[in-house]
Amino acid sequence: MGIEKFISEFSDPLRPYGDLDPSLLYSFAASYCVDFLRGKELAAKNWIPQMKFPLLKRGSKEAPLFVEVLAENVDENFLKLRKKHLKEVRSKLSPQQQLIWEYFLPRKFSEFLYATNNEGVDKKIDRIFFDIDRGKGVTSEQARIAALEFVHAIEEDGEFKSKLLPLFSSFLIAWTGSSFHVFLMLKEKQDNLFYEKYFKYSKESPETSFTGRWAKKVAEKTKLNVRGGHERAENAINIDPSQTPSGKLCRVPLGSLHVSSPKEYNGISMPLSLKMLEQEDIVEKLQNYTILKFIKDINNISKHLRNMERFR
C-alpha cells in the first residue's frame, strides 16, 4: 500500500493507532522532499516533558538518516510496534526502521529538521538559508511583511544581480508554522568561504555583507525593527543566515510541526510562492491548516518545492 493511501485511512494521522506518533506524517512529507533533501542528513528535535531542552537527534552524533529511508520504511507493522519500547521489538524491525525509531521517538512531539549544507563532510554549500526570526512581541504578519520586503531587496540589489545572481538557480520561501524562511539555491556547490565573504553577518560592520544591507533596506521600507544576525531581542525581527554553513540545521520546509511545548504544536511548515507571500490574508490561511487539510492539499502545496521561484 502506498503511503498516500495508507495515511488517508486515519482520522488523526498524528495518532494513527491511538498514541501520538508524528513519524507517519514525516514519512509522508519525506516522500515529497526527496529531491530537496537528497544527500542531506536528517535530524529530529524531540520534546520530552521531563527535559529542559528538546532532545536532538542528528547525523553528526548518530548513524545518519536520509530522506529515502524515512519515506520508504514507515508502515503498519512499524507503527503498531511503537506502543512498546524499542528494546522489546528490535528483532521485528528492519535496521532502517530501528534508525527512524531512534530519531523520532514514539509518544512525543518532534520537529523535522535537516543539515542545511550537510554535517561538515566537505564544507561545501549548495544553498544560502535565511531565518526571518521574530522576537517576542513580533507578530507572524509583521514577519510576513519583512520576508516579502527581504525578497524585494534581494531582487532590487544591482550589485547582487551583476556579481552573484548568475551563480543562483532559484529561491524558495517557506512558512515555518510561525514565521518564514528564505533559501537561495546555488547552481553549483561553493566553498563555505563564499558564505563568509558575501552573507555572514557582522555586528561590528553590518553593511559589509549582503545580509546586513538587505536587512537595513527592509527596516527602512517597513519601519519595523529589522536587523541582521541571530541575537534575538524583544520586538525585533532578525534576518539570520547563521544556519547556512555545514554542520548547522534548519527546519524541513514541508510537513514539519512547529512545536510550542511538549504537549502541543501550533503550525506546520509549507513552501510558498512569492504570490502567496504577497497576500495580506496568507498568515491567517496558513495558521488555519490542520494536519488533515495539509495531507489533502499536499500535491498542490509541494509544487512550490518542486518548482521554485525564479529571480525577476
C-alpha atoms as a PDB file:
ATOM      1  CA  MET A   1       0.000   0.000   0.000  1.00  0.00           C
ATOM      2  CA  GLY A   2       1.370   3.416  -0.945  1.00  0.00           C
ATOM      3  CA  ILE A   3       1.857   5.854   1.907  1.00  0.00           C
ATOM      4  CA  GLU A   4      -0.653   8.300   0.365  1.00  0.00           C
ATOM      5  CA  LYS A   5      -3.431   5.699   0.628  1.00  0.00           C
ATOM      6  CA  PHE A   6      -2.170   4.469   3.984  1.00  0.00           C
ATOM      7  CA  ILE A   7      -2.130   7.880   5.694  1.00  0.00           C
ATOM      8  CA  SER A   8      -5.539   8.797   4.269  1.00  0.00           C
ATOM      9  CA  GLU A   9      -7.120   5.961   6.275  1.00  0.00           C
ATOM     10  CA  PHE A  10      -6.544   7.668   9.624  1.00  0.00           C
ATOM     11  CA  SER A  11      -8.898  10.282  11.067  1.00  0.00           C
ATOM     12  CA  ASP A  12      -5.946  11.574  13.144  1.00  0.00           C
ATOM     13  CA  PRO A  13      -2.657  10.862  11.335  1.00  0.00           C
ATOM     14  CA  LEU A  14      -0.672  12.156  14.329  1.00  0.00           C
ATOM     15  CA  ARG A  15      -2.183   9.344  16.397  1.00  0.00           C
ATOM     16  CA  PRO A  16      -2.582   6.539  13.876  1.00  0.00           C
ATOM     17  CA  TYR A  17      -3.066   3.794  16.450  1.00  0.00           C
ATOM     18  CA  GLY A  18      -4.077   5.865  19.466  1.00  0.00           C
ATOM     19  CA  ASP A  19      -0.714   7.184  20.707  1.00  0.00           C
ATOM     20  CA  LEU A  20       0.991  10.347  19.498  1.00  0.00           C
ATOM     21  CA  ASP A  21       3.405   9.480  16.669  1.00  0.00           C
ATOM     22  CA  PRO A  22       4.496  12.108  14.092  1.00  0.00           C
ATOM     23  CA  SER A  23       6.682   9.563  12.260  1.00  0.00           C
ATOM     24  CA  LEU A  24       3.805   8.725   9.877  1.00  0.00           C
ATOM     25  CA  LEU A  25       3.362  12.400   8.943  1.00  0.00           C
ATOM     26  CA  TYR A  26       7.110  12.815   8.463  1.00  0.00           C
ATOM     27  CA  SER A  27       7.420   9.722   6.304  1.00  0.00           C
ATOM     28  CA  PHE A  28       4.562  11.050   4.176  1.00  0.00           C
ATOM     29  CA  ALA A  29       6.162  14.517   3.891  1.00  0.00           C
ATOM     30  CA  ALA A  30       9.583  12.979   3.163  1.00  0.00           C
ATOM     31  CA  SER A  31       8.204  11.265   0.073  1.00  0.00           C
ATOM     32  CA  TYR A  32       7.603  14.739  -1.409  1.00  0.00           C
ATOM     33  CA  CYS A  33      11.002  16.116  -0.320  1.00  0.00           C
ATOM     34  CA  VAL A  34      13.358  13.570  -1.855  1.00  0.00           C
ATOM     35  CA  ASP A  35      14.944  15.920  -4.391  1.00  0.00           C
ATOM     36  CA  PHE A  36      15.192  18.849  -1.959  1.00  0.00           C
ATOM     37  CA  LEU A  37      16.747  16.732   0.801  1.00  0.00           C
ATOM     38  CA  ARG A  38      18.742  14.227  -1.248  1.00  0.00           C
ATOM     39  CA  GLY A  39      22.102  13.549   0.420  1.00  0.00           C
ATOM     40  CA  LYS A  40      21.254  15.723   3.442  1.00  0.00           C
ATOM     41  CA  GLU A  41      21.396  14.172   6.897  1.00  0.00           C
ATOM     42  CA  LEU A  42      18.025  14.415   8.625  1.00  0.00           C
ATOM     43  CA  ALA A  43      17.546  15.481  12.232  1.00  0.00           C
ATOM     44  CA  ALA A  44      14.759  15.398  14.804  1.00  0.00           C
ATOM     45  CA  LYS A  45      14.042  17.611  17.774  1.00  0.00           C
ATOM     46  CA  ASN A  46      12.083  15.545  20.321  1.00  0.00           C
ATOM     47  CA  TRP A  47      10.097  17.373  23.001  1.00  0.00           C
ATOM     48  CA  ILE A  48      10.208  15.431  26.259  1.00  0.00           C
ATOM     49  CA  PRO A  49       8.212  16.789  29.222  1.00  0.00           C
ATOM     50  CA  GLN A  50      10.844  15.950  31.823  1.00  0.00           C
ATOM     51  CA  MET A  51      13.682  17.660  29.921  1.00  0.00           C
ATOM     52  CA  LYS A  52      14.561  21.366  29.993  1.00  0.00           C
ATOM     53  CA  PHE A  53      15.540  21.337  26.315  1.00  0.00           C
ATOM     54  CA  PRO A  54      14.346  19.141  23.412  1.00  0.00           C
ATOM     55  CA  LEU A  55      16.395  16.037  22.681  1.00  0.00           C
ATOM     56  CA  LEU A  56      18.170  16.490  19.354  1.00  0.00           C
ATOM     57  CA  LYS A  57      18.990  13.549  17.123  1.00  0.00           C
ATOM     58  CA  ARG A  58      21.279  14.287  14.169  1.00  0.00           C
ATOM     59  CA  GLY A  59      23.703  12.690  11.751  1.00  0.00           C
ATOM     60  CA  SER A  60      26.844  14.067  13.375  1.00  0.00           C
ATOM     61  CA  LYS A  61      26.006  12.223  16.614  1.00  0.00           C
ATOM     62  CA  GLU A  62      24.006   9.207  15.402  1.00  0.00           C
ATOM     63  CA  ALA A  63      24.089   6.943  12.380  1.00  0.00           C
ATOM     64  CA  PRO A  64      22.855   9.256   9.599  1.00  0.00           C
ATOM     65  CA  LEU A  65      19.232   9.065   8.464  1.00  0.00           C
ATOM     66  CA  PHE A  66      18.404  10.086   4.886  1.00  0.00           C
ATOM     67  CA  VAL A  67      15.159  11.101   3.251  1.00  0.00           C
ATOM     68  CA  GLU A  68      14.662   7.980   1.121  1.00  0.00           C
ATOM     69  CA  VAL A  69      14.901   5.756   4.219  1.00  0.00           C
ATOM     70  CA  LEU A  70      12.310   7.792   6.104  1.00  0.00           C
ATOM     71  CA  ALA A  71       9.983   7.939   3.094  1.00  0.00           C
ATOM     72  CA  GLU A  72      10.012   4.173   2.475  1.00  0.00           C
ATOM     73  CA  ASN A  73      10.063   2.462   5.870  1.00  0.00           C
ATOM     74  CA  VAL A  74       7.132   3.617   7.989  1.00  0.00           C
ATOM     75  CA  ASP A  75       4.352   1.045   7.674  1.00  0.00           C
ATOM     76  CA  GLU A  76       1.556  -0.556   9.682  1.00  0.00           C
ATOM     77  CA  ASN A  77       3.864  -3.026  11.421  1.00  0.00           C
ATOM     78  CA  PHE A  78       6.279  -0.260  12.457  1.00  0.00           C
ATOM     79  CA  LEU A  79       3.519   1.986  13.823  1.00  0.00           C
ATOM     80  CA  LYS A  80       1.779  -0.760  15.795  1.00  0.00           C
ATOM     81  CA  LEU A  81       5.045  -1.837  17.418  1.00  0.00           C
ATOM     82  CA  ARG A  82       5.624   1.743  18.619  1.00  0.00           C
ATOM     83  CA  LYS A  83       3.293   1.052  21.555  1.00  0.00           C
ATOM     84  CA  LYS A  84       6.186  -0.895  23.064  1.00  0.00           C
ATOM     85  CA  HIS A  85       9.803   0.011  23.863  1.00  0.00           C
ATOM     86  CA  LEU A  86      12.403  -0.382  21.127  1.00  0.00           C
ATOM     87  CA  LYS A  87      14.423  -2.955  23.069  1.00  0.00           C
ATOM     88  CA  GLU A  88      11.331  -5.195  23.209  1.00  0.00           C
ATOM     89  CA  VAL A  89      10.661  -5.188  19.459  1.00  0.00           C
ATOM     90  CA  ARG A  90      14.024  -4.521  17.842  1.00  0.00           C
ATOM     91  CA  SER A  91      14.161  -8.006  16.302  1.00  0.00           C
ATOM     92  CA  LYS A  92      10.861  -7.351  14.482  1.00  0.00           C
ATOM     93  CA  LEU A  93      12.153  -4.186  12.792  1.00  0.00           C
ATOM     94  CA  SER A  94      14.488  -3.674   9.867  1.00  0.00           C
ATOM     95  CA  PRO A  95      17.720  -1.731  10.511  1.00  0.00           C
ATOM     96  CA  GLN A  96      16.162   1.225   8.671  1.00  0.00           C
ATOM     97  CA  GLN A  97      13.075   1.166  10.902  1.00  0.00           C
ATOM     98  CA  GLN A  98      15.219   0.966  14.016  1.00  0.00           C
ATOM     99  CA  LEU A  99      17.053   4.084  12.874  1.00  0.00           C
ATOM    100  CA  ILE A 100      13.813   6.001  12.258  1.00  0.00           C
ATOM    101  CA  TRP A 101      12.631   4.960  15.724  1.00  0.00           C
ATOM    102  CA  GLU A 102      15.820   6.257  17.323  1.00  0.00           C
ATOM    103  CA  TYR A 103      15.414   9.648  15.625  1.00  0.00           C
ATOM    104  CA  PHE A 104      11.654  10.167  16.053  1.00  0.00           C
ATOM    105  CA  LEU A 105      10.717   8.943  19.499  1.00  0.00           C
ATOM    106  CA  PRO A 106       7.242   7.425  19.977  1.00  0.00           C
ATOM    107  CA  ARG A 107       4.623   9.229  22.050  1.00  0.00           C
ATOM    108  CA  LYS A 108       6.497  12.538  21.744  1.00  0.00           C
ATOM    109  CA  PHE A 109       6.039  15.652  19.670  1.00  0.00           C
ATOM    110  CA  SER A 110       9.016  16.104  17.378  1.00  0.00           C
ATOM    111  CA  GLU A 111      10.149  18.578  14.746  1.00  0.00           C
ATOM    112  CA  PHE A 112      11.504  17.527  11.357  1.00  0.00           C
ATOM    113  CA  LEU A 113      14.912  19.107  10.605  1.00  0.00           C
ATOM    114  CA  TYR A 114      17.882  18.531   8.316  1.00  0.00           C
ATOM    115  CA  ALA A 115      21.520  19.560   7.955  1.00  0.00           C
ATOM    116  CA  THR A 116      21.266  22.680   5.763  1.00  0.00           C
ATOM    117  CA  ASN A 117      24.543  22.034   3.980  1.00  0.00           C
ATOM    118  CA  ASN A 118      25.327  18.601   5.387  1.00  0.00           C
ATOM    119  CA  GLU A 119      27.156  17.676   8.553  1.00  0.00           C
ATOM    120  CA  GLY A 120      30.523  19.110   7.605  1.00  0.00           C
ATOM    121  CA  VAL A 121      31.963  16.347   5.438  1.00  0.00           C
ATOM    122  CA  ASP A 122      33.352  18.583   2.683  1.00  0.00           C
ATOM    123  CA  LYS A 123      32.428  22.093   3.940  1.00  0.00           C
ATOM    124  CA  LYS A 124      30.663  22.805   0.646  1.00  0.00           C
ATOM    125  CA  ILE A 125      27.342  24.607   0.435  1.00  0.00           C
ATOM    126  CA  ASP A 126      24.560  24.425  -2.155  1.00  0.00           C
ATOM    127  CA  ARG A 127      22.103  26.878  -0.566  1.00  0.00           C
ATOM    128  CA  ILE A 128      22.076  30.067   1.471  1.00  0.00           C
ATOM    129  CA  PHE A 129      19.490  29.993   4.243  1.00  0.00           C
ATOM    130  CA  PHE A 130      17.860  32.992   5.937  1.00  0.00           C
ATOM    131  CA  ASP A 131      15.665  32.674   9.011  1.00  0.00           C
ATOM    132  CA  ILE A 132      13.194  35.560   9.379  1.00  0.00           C
ATOM    133  CA  ASP A 133      13.288  35.164  13.134  1.00  0.00           C
ATOM    134  CA  ARG A 134      10.671  37.081  15.116  1.00  0.00           C
ATOM    135  CA  GLY A 135      11.386  38.069  18.692  1.00  0.00           C
ATOM    136  CA  LYS A 136       8.855  38.376  21.471  1.00  0.00           C
ATOM    137  CA  GLY A 137       6.193  40.943  20.605  1.00  0.00           C
ATOM    138  CA  VAL A 138       6.515  40.494  16.837  1.00  0.00           C
ATOM    139  CA  THR A 139       3.529  39.024  15.007  1.00  0.00           C
ATOM    140  CA  SER A 140       3.600  36.491  12.191  1.00  0.00           C
ATOM    141  CA  GLU A 141       2.037  39.142   9.958  1.00  0.00           C
ATOM    142  CA  GLN A 142       4.931  41.515  10.656  1.00  0.00           C
ATOM    143  CA  ALA A 143       7.313  38.667   9.818  1.00  0.00           C
ATOM    144  CA  ARG A 144       5.458  38.197   6.506  1.00  0.00           C
ATOM    145  CA  ILE A 145       5.884  41.862   5.634  1.00  0.00           C
ATOM    146  CA  ALA A 146       9.593  41.647   6.482  1.00  0.00           C
ATOM    147  CA  ALA A 147      10.047  38.445   4.446  1.00  0.00           C
ATOM    148  CA  LEU A 148       8.321  39.992   1.429  1.00  0.00           C
ATOM    149  CA  GLU A 149      10.430  43.143   1.543  1.00  0.00           C
ATOM    150  CA  PHE A 150      13.528  40.996   2.061  1.00  0.00           C
ATOM    151  CA  VAL A 151      12.843  39.198  -1.215  1.00  0.00           C
ATOM    152  CA  HIS A 152      12.264  42.568  -2.905  1.00  0.00           C
ATOM    153  CA  ALA A 153      15.565  43.859  -1.504  1.00  0.00           C
ATOM    154  CA  ILE A 154      17.398  40.878  -2.991  1.00  0.00           C
ATOM    155  CA  GLU A 155      15.773  41.284  -6.396  1.00  0.00           C
ATOM    156  CA  GLU A 156      16.440  45.038  -6.487  1.00  0.00           C
ATOM    157  CA  ASP A 157      20.116  44.841  -5.484  1.00  0.00           C
ATOM    158  CA  GLY A 158      22.177  45.789  -8.534  1.00  0.00           C
ATOM    159  CA  GLU A 159      25.465  44.537  -7.130  1.00  0.00           C
ATOM    160  CA  PHE A 160      23.942  41.157  -6.271  1.00  0.00           C
ATOM    161  CA  LYS A 161      22.453  40.893  -9.768  1.00  0.00           C
ATOM    162  CA  SER A 162      25.715  41.655 -11.532  1.00  0.00           C
ATOM    163  CA  LYS A 163      28.126  39.806  -9.239  1.00  0.00           C
ATOM    164  CA  LEU A 164      26.314  36.800  -7.764  1.00  0.00           C
ATOM    165  CA  LEU A 165      22.936  36.211  -9.385  1.00  0.00           C
ATOM    166  CA  PRO A 166      24.398  34.069 -12.234  1.00  0.00           C
ATOM    167  CA  LEU A 167      25.532  31.593  -9.554  1.00  0.00           C
ATOM    168  CA  PHE A 168      21.971  31.015  -8.285  1.00  0.00           C
ATOM    169  CA  SER A 169      19.216  28.998  -9.912  1.00  0.00           C
ATOM    170  CA  SER A 170      16.158  29.918  -7.849  1.00  0.00           C
ATOM    171  CA  PHE A 171      14.852  30.801  -4.417  1.00  0.00           C
ATOM    172  CA  LEU A 172      12.391  29.226  -2.003  1.00  0.00           C
ATOM    173  CA  ILE A 173      10.072  30.845   0.527  1.00  0.00           C
ATOM    174  CA  ALA A 174       8.710  28.703   3.358  1.00  0.00           C
ATOM    175  CA  TRP A 175       6.269  29.139   6.220  1.00  0.00           C
ATOM    176  CA  THR A 176       7.726  27.578   9.373  1.00  0.00           C
ATOM    177  CA  GLY A 177       4.422  27.295  11.226  1.00  0.00           C
ATOM    178  CA  SER A 178       5.218  30.573  12.977  1.00  0.00           C
ATOM    179  CA  SER A 179       7.423  32.708  10.710  1.00  0.00           C
ATOM    180  CA  PHE A 180       9.265  32.466   7.387  1.00  0.00           C
ATOM    181  CA  HIS A 181      12.446  31.112   5.812  1.00  0.00           C
ATOM    182  CA  VAL A 182      14.103  32.139   2.545  1.00  0.00           C
ATOM    183  CA  PHE A 183      16.559  29.896   0.680  1.00  0.00           C
ATOM    184  CA  LEU A 184      18.790  30.976  -2.218  1.00  0.00           C
ATOM    185  CA  MET A 185      19.639  27.867  -4.239  1.00  0.00           C
ATOM    186  CA  LEU A 186      23.071  27.687  -5.889  1.00  0.00           C
ATOM    187  CA  LYS A 187      23.597  26.141  -9.318  1.00  0.00           C
ATOM    188  CA  GLU A 188      26.828  24.517  -8.155  1.00  0.00           C
ATOM    189  CA  LYS A 189      28.356  23.934  -4.743  1.00  0.00           C
ATOM    190  CA  GLN A 190      30.605  26.630  -3.345  1.00  0.00           C
ATOM    191  CA  ASP A 191      33.185  26.653  -0.562  1.00  0.00           C
ATOM    192  CA  ASN A 192      31.949  27.909   2.801  1.00  0.00           C
ATOM    193  CA  LEU A 193      34.173  30.964   2.203  1.00  0.00           C
ATOM    194  CA  PHE A 194      31.546  32.074  -0.310  1.00  0.00           C
ATOM    195  CA  TYR A 195      29.018  32.355   2.521  1.00  0.00           C
ATOM    196  CA  GLU A 196      31.500  34.062   4.815  1.00  0.00           C
ATOM    197  CA  LYS A 197      32.529  36.614   2.194  1.00  0.00           C
ATOM    198  CA  TYR A 198      29.084  37.666   0.997  1.00  0.00           C
ATOM    199  CA  PHE A 199      26.401  36.665   3.511  1.00  0.00           C
ATOM    200  CA  LYS A 200      27.822  36.157   7.013  1.00  0.00           C
ATOM    201  CA  TYR A 201      26.541  38.952   9.227  1.00  0.00           C
ATOM    202  CA  SER A 202      28.973  41.052  11.263  1.00  0.00           C
ATOM    203  CA  LYS A 203      27.597  43.077  14.149  1.00  0.00           C
ATOM    204  CA  GLU A 204      30.688  45.289  14.048  1.00  0.00           C
ATOM    205  CA  SER A 205      30.383  46.066  10.316  1.00  0.00           C
ATOM    206  CA  PRO A 206      26.837  45.093   9.305  1.00  0.00           C
ATOM    207  CA  GLU A 207      26.837  46.586   5.814  1.00  0.00           C
ATOM    208  CA  THR A 208      29.868  44.644   4.612  1.00  0.00           C
ATOM    209  CA  SER A 209      27.541  41.716   3.841  1.00  0.00           C
ATOM    210  CA  PHE A 210      24.515  41.476   1.597  1.00  0.00           C
ATOM    211  CA  THR A 211      22.598  40.268   4.657  1.00  0.00           C
ATOM    212  CA  GLY A 212      23.235  43.473   6.573  1.00  0.00           C
ATOM    213  CA  ARG A 213      22.450  45.694   3.622  1.00  0.00           C
ATOM    214  CA  TRP A 214      19.231  43.857   2.821  1.00  0.00           C
ATOM    215  CA  ALA A 215      18.139  43.943   6.476  1.00  0.00           C
ATOM    216  CA  LYS A 216      18.707  47.708   6.537  1.00  0.00           C
ATOM    217  CA  LYS A 217      16.584  48.159   3.412  1.00  0.00           C
ATOM    218  CA  VAL A 218      13.789  46.075   4.919  1.00  0.00           C
ATOM    219  CA  ALA A 219      13.862  48.180   8.097  1.00  0.00           C
ATOM    220  CA  GLU A 220      13.721  51.406   6.076  1.00  0.00           C
ATOM    221  CA  LYS A 221      10.874  50.190   3.882  1.00  0.00           C
ATOM    222  CA  THR A 222       8.686  48.625   6.581  1.00  0.00           C
ATOM    223  CA  LYS A 223       9.550  50.859   9.571  1.00  0.00           C
ATOM    224  CA  LEU A 224       9.847  47.641  11.587  1.00  0.00           C
ATOM    225  CA  ASN A 225      12.749  46.869  13.913  1.00  0.00           C
ATOM    226  CA  VAL A 226      14.613  44.610  11.458  1.00  0.00           C
ATOM    227  CA  ARG A 227      18.302  43.726  11.733  1.00  0.00           C
ATOM    228  CA  GLY A 228      20.773  41.106  10.689  1.00  0.00           C
ATOM    229  CA  GLY A 229      22.287  38.380  12.836  1.00  0.00           C
ATOM    230  CA  HIS A 230      20.982  35.846  15.328  1.00  0.00           C
ATOM    231  CA  GLU A 231      20.918  37.781  18.616  1.00  0.00           C
ATOM    232  CA  ARG A 232      17.242  37.935  19.455  1.00  0.00           C
ATOM    233  CA  ALA A 233      15.666  40.987  21.077  1.00  0.00           C
ATOM    234  CA  GLU A 234      12.142  41.844  22.118  1.00  0.00           C
ATOM    235  CA  ASN A 235      10.040  43.497  19.386  1.00  0.00           C
ATOM    236  CA  ALA A 236      12.738  42.833  16.771  1.00  0.00           C
ATOM    237  CA  ILE A 237      12.944  40.749  13.601  1.00  0.00           C
ATOM    238  CA  ASN A 238      16.282  39.122  12.868  1.00  0.00           C
ATOM    239  CA  ILE A 239      17.312  38.176   9.344  1.00  0.00           C
ATOM    240  CA  ASP A 240      19.651  35.395  10.314  1.00  0.00           C
ATOM    241  CA  PRO A 241      21.857  33.474   7.825  1.00  0.00           C
ATOM    242  CA  SER A 242      23.913  31.731  10.510  1.00  0.00           C
ATOM    243  CA  GLN A 243      22.389  28.272   9.954  1.00  0.00           C
ATOM    244  CA  THR A 244      23.814  28.156   6.422  1.00  0.00           C
ATOM    245  CA  PRO A 245      27.277  26.604   6.979  1.00  0.00           C
ATOM    246  CA  SER A 246      27.980  22.884   7.105  1.00  0.00           C
ATOM    247  CA  GLY A 247      27.105  21.454  10.490  1.00  0.00           C
ATOM    248  CA  LYS A 248      24.062  23.686  11.006  1.00  0.00           C
ATOM    249  CA  LEU A 249      20.394  22.659  10.953  1.00  0.00           C
ATOM    250  CA  CYS A 250      17.134  24.071   9.642  1.00  0.00           C
ATOM    251  CA  ARG A 251      13.503  23.030   9.522  1.00  0.00           C
ATOM    252  CA  VAL A 252      12.317  20.901   6.608  1.00  0.00           C
ATOM    253  CA  PRO A 253      10.128  23.305   4.595  1.00  0.00           C
ATOM    254  CA  LEU A 254       7.343  20.790   4.017  1.00  0.00           C
ATOM    255  CA  GLY A 255       5.490  18.983   6.789  1.00  0.00           C
ATOM    256  CA  SER A 256       7.435  19.785   9.965  1.00  0.00           C
ATOM    257  CA  LEU A 257       5.336  20.509  13.020  1.00  0.00           C
ATOM    258  CA  HIS A 258       6.162  23.760  14.794  1.00  0.00           C
ATOM    259  CA  VAL A 259       6.071  22.597  18.406  1.00  0.00           C
ATOM    260  CA  SER A 260       5.262  25.157  21.095  1.00  0.00           C
ATOM    261  CA  SER A 261       5.557  22.847  24.117  1.00  0.00           C
ATOM    262  CA  PRO A 262       5.960  19.112  24.843  1.00  0.00           C
ATOM    263  CA  LYS A 263       2.171  18.860  24.753  1.00  0.00           C
ATOM    264  CA  GLU A 264       1.181  20.842  21.658  1.00  0.00           C
ATOM    265  CA  TYR A 265       2.102  22.205  18.272  1.00  0.00           C
ATOM    266  CA  ASN A 266       0.905  25.447  16.676  1.00  0.00           C
ATOM    267  CA  GLY A 267       1.677  25.094  12.979  1.00  0.00           C
ATOM    268  CA  ILE A 268       3.112  23.069  10.127  1.00  0.00           C
ATOM    269  CA  SER A 269       5.783  24.098   7.616  1.00  0.00           C
ATOM    270  CA  MET A 270       4.896  24.674   3.966  1.00  0.00           C
ATOM    271  CA  PRO A 271       6.671  26.079   0.894  1.00  0.00           C
ATOM    272  CA  LEU A 272       5.052  29.162  -0.636  1.00  0.00           C
ATOM    273  CA  SER A 273       5.078  31.067  -3.886  1.00  0.00           C
ATOM    274  CA  LEU A 274       6.013  34.733  -3.947  1.00  0.00           C
ATOM    275  CA  LYS A 275       2.435  35.485  -4.989  1.00  0.00           C
ATOM    276  CA  MET A 276       1.198  33.771  -1.817  1.00  0.00           C
ATOM    277  CA  LEU A 277       3.610  35.752   0.343  1.00  0.00           C
ATOM    278  CA  GLU A 278       2.146  38.932  -1.137  1.00  0.00           C
ATOM    279  CA  GLN A 279      -1.371  38.039   0.069  1.00  0.00           C
ATOM    280  CA  GLU A 280      -2.394  40.040   3.127  1.00  0.00           C
ATOM    281  CA  ASP A 281      -4.513  37.185   4.479  1.00  0.00           C
ATOM    282  CA  ILE A 282      -1.985  34.401   3.881  1.00  0.00           C
ATOM    283  CA  VAL A 283      -0.851  34.136   7.527  1.00  0.00           C
ATOM    284  CA  GLU A 284      -4.411  33.511   8.682  1.00  0.00           C
ATOM    285  CA  LYS A 285      -4.858  30.871   5.977  1.00  0.00           C
ATOM    286  CA  LEU A 286      -1.615  29.130   6.928  1.00  0.00           C
ATOM    287  CA  GLN A 287      -2.456  29.190  10.633  1.00  0.00           C
ATOM    288  CA  ASN A 288      -5.789  27.521   9.889  1.00  0.00           C
ATOM    289  CA  TYR A 289      -4.196  24.468   8.256  1.00  0.00           C
ATOM    290  CA  THR A 290      -4.971  21.243  10.075  1.00  0.00           C
ATOM    291  CA  ILE A 291      -2.951  18.079   9.522  1.00  0.00           C
ATOM    292  CA  LEU A 292      -5.832  16.577   7.535  1.00  0.00           C
ATOM    293  CA  LYS A 293      -6.087  19.665   5.310  1.00  0.00           C
ATOM    294  CA  PHE A 294      -2.315  19.595   4.791  1.00  0.00           C
ATOM    295  CA  ILE A 295      -2.455  15.932   3.728  1.00  0.00           C
ATOM    296  CA  LYS A 296      -5.391  16.565   1.411  1.00  0.00           C
ATOM    297  CA  ASP A 297      -3.618  19.524  -0.255  1.00  0.00           C
ATOM    298  CA  ILE A 298      -0.113  18.005  -0.350  1.00  0.00           C
ATOM    299  CA  ASN A 299       0.144  17.807  -4.147  1.00  0.00           C
ATOM    300  CA  ASN A 300      -0.732  21.483  -4.534  1.00  0.00           C
ATOM    301  CA  ILE A 301       1.457  22.560  -1.590  1.00  0.00           C
ATOM    302  CA  SER A 302       4.513  20.558  -2.657  1.00  0.00           C
ATOM    303  CA  LYS A 303       4.567  22.044  -6.165  1.00  0.00           C
ATOM    304  CA  HIS A 304       6.225  25.144  -4.667  1.00  0.00           C
ATOM    305  CA  LEU A 305       9.097  22.899  -3.543  1.00  0.00           C
ATOM    306  CA  ARG A 306       9.413  21.250  -6.954  1.00  0.00           C
ATOM    307  CA  ASN A 307       9.090  24.483  -8.932  1.00  0.00           C
ATOM    308  CA  MET A 308      10.928  27.159  -7.008  1.00  0.00           C
ATOM    309  CA  GLU A 309      10.749  30.886  -7.720  1.00  0.00           C
ATOM    310  CA  ARG A 310      12.998  32.450 -10.341  1.00  0.00           C
ATOM    311  CA  PHE A 311      14.610  35.818  -9.788  1.00  0.00           C
ATOM    312  CA  ARG A 312      12.982  38.620 -11.769  1.00  0.00           C
END
